[in-house]
Amino acid sequence: MIELETLANLAEVLGALTIIGGVLFAVIQIRHYRQQLRETATLELMRTFQTSEFAQAFQVLRSLRDDVSSTELQAQQPEVEAAAMSVCAVYETTGVLVFRGILPFQVVEDLTGGAIVMCWRKLHGWIEETRVEKSNERMFEWFQWLAERFAEQQQIESKSRPAYQAYSSWKPPRHS
C-alpha cells in the first residue's frame, strides 16, 4: 500500500507541473496576442493609407519641390499645409508604432517606406522651420526617425532589385 508521505510528494509534484503548464500556456497565449495585435495594427495602417483623404493629401505633397520652406508652403493654398499636417500625423503615429514594436519595421517599409522617405525629403525644411517657430523640437520627431531609418535601409539595399523583379518566380502556397 502507498504511504501517505509518498502520496503527498506525488501531489506536490503534480501541483508544480500544473503551475508550470499554466505558466507555459500563458506565455504562449501572450505571444499569440502580441502577434494578433501586430497584424491588426498592420491592417489598420493599410486602411489609413488607402483612404481617399490620405491619397489626396499624398498627391498634393508629391507635387512639392524637395525641402520646401515654411514660407513657400504657407504661400500655397490652405489645403497644401493641411495635407502636410495630415500626412505628417499619420507618419508620426506610424513611427511610434514601429519603434514600440507594434508594427513590424519590414512590413511598414514594404508598404510605404519609399513614400515616407520622399515625404520627409519634401517636408524637412518646413518641419524644421515650424519646430523653431513653435518652439517645439519634438514636432514630428517620430516621422523624422522613421524616415531616417528607411533612408538608411535604402542605402544598404541600394543594390537590391524591386519586388516585382526579386520575387518574379514566387508562387502562392498551396492549401489543402
C-alpha atoms as a PDB file:
ATOM      1  CA  MET A   1       0.000   0.000   0.000  1.00  0.00           C
ATOM      2  CA  ILE A   2       1.185   3.556  -0.837  1.00  0.00           C
ATOM      3  CA  GLU A   3       2.297   5.539   2.136  1.00  0.00           C
ATOM      4  CA  LEU A   4       0.772   8.899   2.945  1.00  0.00           C
ATOM      5  CA  GLU A   5       4.139  10.635   2.540  1.00  0.00           C
ATOM      6  CA  THR A   6       4.547   9.243  -0.990  1.00  0.00           C
ATOM      7  CA  LEU A   7       1.071  10.474  -1.925  1.00  0.00           C
ATOM      8  CA  ALA A   8       1.873  13.914  -0.529  1.00  0.00           C
ATOM      9  CA  ASN A   9       5.091  14.061  -2.561  1.00  0.00           C
ATOM     10  CA  LEU A  10       3.249  12.942  -5.679  1.00  0.00           C
ATOM     11  CA  ALA A  11       0.577  15.609  -5.146  1.00  0.00           C
ATOM     12  CA  GLU A  12       3.284  18.223  -4.693  1.00  0.00           C
ATOM     13  CA  VAL A  13       4.987  17.201  -7.953  1.00  0.00           C
ATOM     14  CA  LEU A  14       1.647  17.225  -9.817  1.00  0.00           C
ATOM     15  CA  GLY A  15       0.856  20.655  -8.389  1.00  0.00           C
ATOM     16  CA  ALA A  16       4.218  22.011  -9.539  1.00  0.00           C
ATOM     17  CA  LEU A  17       3.727  20.516 -13.018  1.00  0.00           C
ATOM     18  CA  THR A  18       0.264  22.079 -13.205  1.00  0.00           C
ATOM     19  CA  ILE A  19       1.688  25.502 -12.334  1.00  0.00           C
ATOM     20  CA  ILE A  20       4.495  25.137 -14.885  1.00  0.00           C
ATOM     21  CA  GLY A  21       1.970  24.063 -17.511  1.00  0.00           C
ATOM     22  CA  GLY A  22      -0.198  27.066 -16.710  1.00  0.00           C
ATOM     23  CA  VAL A  23       2.734  29.455 -16.997  1.00  0.00           C
ATOM     24  CA  LEU A  24       3.772  27.940 -20.345  1.00  0.00           C
ATOM     25  CA  PHE A  25       0.199  28.230 -21.617  1.00  0.00           C
ATOM     26  CA  ALA A  26       0.061  31.877 -20.511  1.00  0.00           C
ATOM     27  CA  VAL A  27       3.346  32.660 -22.287  1.00  0.00           C
ATOM     28  CA  ILE A  28       2.070  31.065 -25.494  1.00  0.00           C
ATOM     29  CA  GLN A  29      -1.212  32.982 -25.254  1.00  0.00           C
ATOM     30  CA  ILE A  30       0.622  36.281 -24.708  1.00  0.00           C
ATOM     31  CA  ARG A  31       2.776  35.643 -27.774  1.00  0.00           C
ATOM     32  CA  HIS A  32      -0.317  34.881 -29.857  1.00  0.00           C
ATOM     33  CA  TYR A  33      -1.990  38.029 -28.546  1.00  0.00           C
ATOM     34  CA  ARG A  34       1.024  40.181 -29.459  1.00  0.00           C
ATOM     35  CA  GLN A  35       1.140  38.675 -32.947  1.00  0.00           C
ATOM     36  CA  GLN A  36      -2.571  39.333 -33.366  1.00  0.00           C
ATOM     37  CA  LEU A  37      -2.058  42.918 -32.180  1.00  0.00           C
ATOM     38  CA  ARG A  38       0.712  43.448 -34.761  1.00  0.00           C
ATOM     39  CA  GLU A  39      -1.453  42.001 -37.528  1.00  0.00           C
ATOM     40  CA  THR A  40      -4.422  44.177 -36.537  1.00  0.00           C
ATOM     41  CA  ALA A  41      -2.236  47.290 -36.368  1.00  0.00           C
ATOM     42  CA  THR A  42      -0.801  46.487 -39.797  1.00  0.00           C
ATOM     43  CA  LEU A  43      -4.279  46.140 -41.285  1.00  0.00           C
ATOM     44  CA  GLU A  44      -5.346  49.435 -39.712  1.00  0.00           C
ATOM     45  CA  LEU A  45      -2.253  51.110 -41.122  1.00  0.00           C
ATOM     46  CA  MET A  46      -3.096  49.786 -44.567  1.00  0.00           C
ATOM     47  CA  ARG A  47      -6.625  51.175 -44.241  1.00  0.00           C
ATOM     48  CA  THR A  48      -5.212  54.578 -43.317  1.00  0.00           C
ATOM     49  CA  PHE A  49      -3.017  54.639 -46.405  1.00  0.00           C
ATOM     50  CA  GLN A  50      -5.956  53.626 -48.577  1.00  0.00           C
ATOM     51  CA  THR A  51      -8.382  56.360 -47.591  1.00  0.00           C
ATOM     52  CA  SER A  52      -9.226  58.920 -50.247  1.00  0.00           C
ATOM     53  CA  GLU A  53      -8.229  61.724 -47.856  1.00  0.00           C
ATOM     54  CA  PHE A  54      -4.744  60.311 -47.368  1.00  0.00           C
ATOM     55  CA  ALA A  55      -4.327  59.606 -51.076  1.00  0.00           C
ATOM     56  CA  GLN A  56      -5.364  63.156 -51.903  1.00  0.00           C
ATOM     57  CA  ALA A  57      -3.009  64.647 -49.297  1.00  0.00           C
ATOM     58  CA  PHE A  58      -0.166  62.461 -50.548  1.00  0.00           C
ATOM     59  CA  GLN A  59      -0.820  63.553 -54.121  1.00  0.00           C
ATOM     60  CA  VAL A  60      -0.621  67.208 -53.077  1.00  0.00           C
ATOM     61  CA  LEU A  61       2.744  66.613 -51.377  1.00  0.00           C
ATOM     62  CA  ARG A  62       4.187  64.775 -54.371  1.00  0.00           C
ATOM     63  CA  SER A  63       3.898  67.984 -56.387  1.00  0.00           C
ATOM     64  CA  LEU A  64       6.046  69.980 -53.938  1.00  0.00           C
ATOM     65  CA  ARG A  65       9.734  70.540 -54.507  1.00  0.00           C
ATOM     66  CA  ASP A  66      12.177  68.881 -52.129  1.00  0.00           C
ATOM     67  CA  ASP A  67      12.953  70.685 -48.859  1.00  0.00           C
ATOM     68  CA  VAL A  68      10.118  73.185 -49.240  1.00  0.00           C
ATOM     69  CA  SER A  69      10.326  76.050 -46.770  1.00  0.00           C
ATOM     70  CA  SER A  70       7.649  77.119 -44.339  1.00  0.00           C
ATOM     71  CA  THR A  71       7.150  80.376 -46.253  1.00  0.00           C
ATOM     72  CA  GLU A  72       6.723  78.544 -49.551  1.00  0.00           C
ATOM     73  CA  LEU A  73       4.293  76.025 -48.087  1.00  0.00           C
ATOM     74  CA  GLN A  74       2.196  78.680 -46.377  1.00  0.00           C
ATOM     75  CA  ALA A  75       2.071  80.699 -49.630  1.00  0.00           C
ATOM     76  CA  GLN A  76       0.237  77.774 -51.253  1.00  0.00           C
ATOM     77  CA  GLN A  77      -3.460  77.083 -50.945  1.00  0.00           C
ATOM     78  CA  PRO A  78      -4.524  76.266 -47.355  1.00  0.00           C
ATOM     79  CA  GLU A  79      -5.144  72.659 -48.437  1.00  0.00           C
ATOM     80  CA  VAL A  80      -1.415  72.186 -49.059  1.00  0.00           C
ATOM     81  CA  GLU A  81      -0.397  72.860 -45.462  1.00  0.00           C
ATOM     82  CA  ALA A  82      -3.399  70.808 -44.279  1.00  0.00           C
ATOM     83  CA  ALA A  83      -2.195  67.935 -46.488  1.00  0.00           C
ATOM     84  CA  ALA A  84       1.292  68.224 -44.993  1.00  0.00           C
ATOM     85  CA  MET A  85      -0.091  68.152 -41.441  1.00  0.00           C
ATOM     86  CA  SER A  86      -2.305  65.172 -42.251  1.00  0.00           C
ATOM     87  CA  VAL A  87       0.452  63.074 -43.822  1.00  0.00           C
ATOM     88  CA  CYS A  88       2.934  64.031 -41.087  1.00  0.00           C
ATOM     89  CA  ALA A  89       0.438  63.000 -38.386  1.00  0.00           C
ATOM     90  CA  VAL A  90      -0.059  59.580 -39.989  1.00  0.00           C
ATOM     91  CA  TYR A  91       3.686  59.040 -40.365  1.00  0.00           C
ATOM     92  CA  GLU A  92       4.296  60.286 -36.809  1.00  0.00           C
ATOM     93  CA  THR A  93       1.921  57.641 -35.471  1.00  0.00           C
ATOM     94  CA  THR A  94       3.473  55.025 -37.732  1.00  0.00           C
ATOM     95  CA  GLY A  95       6.948  55.869 -36.394  1.00  0.00           C
ATOM     96  CA  VAL A  96       5.864  55.421 -32.784  1.00  0.00           C
ATOM     97  CA  LEU A  97       4.173  52.097 -33.561  1.00  0.00           C
ATOM     98  CA  VAL A  98       7.265  50.812 -35.373  1.00  0.00           C
ATOM     99  CA  PHE A  99       9.563  51.934 -32.542  1.00  0.00           C
ATOM    100  CA  ARG A 100       7.345  50.235 -29.934  1.00  0.00           C
ATOM    101  CA  GLY A 101       7.372  47.008 -31.969  1.00  0.00           C
ATOM    102  CA  ILE A 102       3.632  47.037 -32.629  1.00  0.00           C
ATOM    103  CA  LEU A 103       4.164  47.453 -36.372  1.00  0.00           C
ATOM    104  CA  PRO A 104       6.974  45.388 -37.882  1.00  0.00           C
ATOM    105  CA  PHE A 105       9.647  47.590 -39.470  1.00  0.00           C
ATOM    106  CA  GLN A 106       9.953  45.418 -42.574  1.00  0.00           C
ATOM    107  CA  VAL A 107       6.209  45.352 -43.251  1.00  0.00           C
ATOM    108  CA  VAL A 108       5.920  49.139 -42.950  1.00  0.00           C
ATOM    109  CA  GLU A 109       8.974  49.572 -45.158  1.00  0.00           C
ATOM    110  CA  ASP A 110       7.473  47.264 -47.771  1.00  0.00           C
ATOM    111  CA  LEU A 111       4.131  49.087 -47.642  1.00  0.00           C
ATOM    112  CA  THR A 112       5.264  52.694 -47.568  1.00  0.00           C
ATOM    113  CA  GLY A 113       8.986  53.101 -46.863  1.00  0.00           C
ATOM    114  CA  GLY A 114       9.767  54.901 -50.105  1.00  0.00           C
ATOM    115  CA  ALA A 115       6.788  57.225 -49.694  1.00  0.00           C
ATOM    116  CA  ILE A 116       7.834  58.146 -46.152  1.00  0.00           C
ATOM    117  CA  VAL A 117      11.378  58.977 -47.285  1.00  0.00           C
ATOM    118  CA  MET A 118      10.028  61.041 -50.182  1.00  0.00           C
ATOM    119  CA  CYS A 119       7.626  62.979 -47.929  1.00  0.00           C
ATOM    120  CA  TRP A 120      10.420  63.666 -45.432  1.00  0.00           C
ATOM    121  CA  ARG A 121      12.644  64.898 -48.244  1.00  0.00           C
ATOM    122  CA  LYS A 122       9.904  67.304 -49.361  1.00  0.00           C
ATOM    123  CA  LEU A 123       8.764  68.479 -45.914  1.00  0.00           C
ATOM    124  CA  HIS A 124      12.047  68.511 -43.973  1.00  0.00           C
ATOM    125  CA  GLY A 125      12.586  72.279 -44.358  1.00  0.00           C
ATOM    126  CA  TRP A 126       9.003  73.129 -43.422  1.00  0.00           C
ATOM    127  CA  ILE A 127       9.127  70.855 -40.363  1.00  0.00           C
ATOM    128  CA  GLU A 128      12.462  72.254 -39.144  1.00  0.00           C
ATOM    129  CA  GLU A 129      11.268  75.853 -39.536  1.00  0.00           C
ATOM    130  CA  THR A 130       7.943  75.067 -37.865  1.00  0.00           C
ATOM    131  CA  ARG A 131       9.757  73.460 -34.932  1.00  0.00           C
ATOM    132  CA  VAL A 132      11.680  76.701 -34.387  1.00  0.00           C
ATOM    133  CA  GLU A 133       8.606  78.866 -34.951  1.00  0.00           C
ATOM    134  CA  LYS A 134       6.514  76.843 -32.479  1.00  0.00           C
ATOM    135  CA  SER A 135       9.418  76.233 -30.038  1.00  0.00           C
ATOM    136  CA  ASN A 136       8.728  72.520 -30.310  1.00  0.00           C
ATOM    137  CA  GLU A 137      11.713  70.497 -31.457  1.00  0.00           C
ATOM    138  CA  ARG A 138       9.737  67.277 -30.898  1.00  0.00           C
ATOM    139  CA  MET A 139       7.198  68.107 -33.604  1.00  0.00           C
ATOM    140  CA  PHE A 140       7.014  65.121 -35.978  1.00  0.00           C
ATOM    141  CA  GLU A 141      10.047  63.558 -34.296  1.00  0.00           C
ATOM    142  CA  TRP A 142       8.873  60.012 -34.961  1.00  0.00           C
ATOM    143  CA  PHE A 143       8.201  60.783 -38.628  1.00  0.00           C
ATOM    144  CA  GLN A 144      11.801  62.003 -38.887  1.00  0.00           C
ATOM    145  CA  TRP A 145      13.103  58.963 -37.007  1.00  0.00           C
ATOM    146  CA  LEU A 146      11.219  56.579 -39.282  1.00  0.00           C
ATOM    147  CA  ALA A 147      12.210  58.375 -42.496  1.00  0.00           C
ATOM    148  CA  GLU A 148      15.864  58.309 -41.453  1.00  0.00           C
ATOM    149  CA  ARG A 149      15.725  54.589 -40.647  1.00  0.00           C
ATOM    150  CA  PHE A 150      14.122  53.845 -44.028  1.00  0.00           C
ATOM    151  CA  ALA A 151      16.666  56.055 -45.827  1.00  0.00           C
ATOM    152  CA  GLU A 152      19.491  54.141 -44.111  1.00  0.00           C
ATOM    153  CA  GLN A 153      17.882  50.851 -45.117  1.00  0.00           C
ATOM    154  CA  GLN A 154      17.514  52.023 -48.716  1.00  0.00           C
ATOM    155  CA  GLN A 155      21.234  52.868 -48.834  1.00  0.00           C
ATOM    156  CA  ILE A 156      22.101  49.416 -47.520  1.00  0.00           C
ATOM    157  CA  GLU A 157      19.781  47.745 -50.006  1.00  0.00           C
ATOM    158  CA  SER A 158      20.512  50.066 -52.930  1.00  0.00           C
ATOM    159  CA  LYS A 159      21.736  47.121 -54.970  1.00  0.00           C
ATOM    160  CA  SER A 160      18.624  45.071 -54.301  1.00  0.00           C
ATOM    161  CA  ARG A 161      16.028  44.665 -57.001  1.00  0.00           C
ATOM    162  CA  PRO A 162      12.424  45.871 -56.779  1.00  0.00           C
ATOM    163  CA  ALA A 163       9.881  43.334 -55.501  1.00  0.00           C
ATOM    164  CA  TYR A 164       8.377  42.717 -58.946  1.00  0.00           C
ATOM    165  CA  GLN A 165      11.814  41.571 -60.136  1.00  0.00           C
ATOM    166  CA  ALA A 166      13.192  39.961 -56.985  1.00  0.00           C
ATOM    167  CA  TYR A 167      10.100  37.807 -56.466  1.00  0.00           C
ATOM    168  CA  SER A 168       9.019  37.242 -60.070  1.00  0.00           C
ATOM    169  CA  SER A 169       9.108  33.453 -59.642  1.00  0.00           C
ATOM    170  CA  TRP A 170       7.049  33.481 -56.435  1.00  0.00           C
ATOM    171  CA  LYS A 171       4.027  31.193 -56.342  1.00  0.00           C
ATOM    172  CA  PRO A 172       1.300  31.254 -53.702  1.00  0.00           C
ATOM    173  CA  PRO A 173       1.444  28.388 -51.194  1.00  0.00           C
ATOM    174  CA  ARG A 174      -0.984  25.567 -51.819  1.00  0.00           C
ATOM    175  CA  HIS A 175      -3.601  24.949 -49.208  1.00  0.00           C
ATOM    176  CA  SER A 176      -5.352  21.611 -48.943  1.00  0.00           C
END
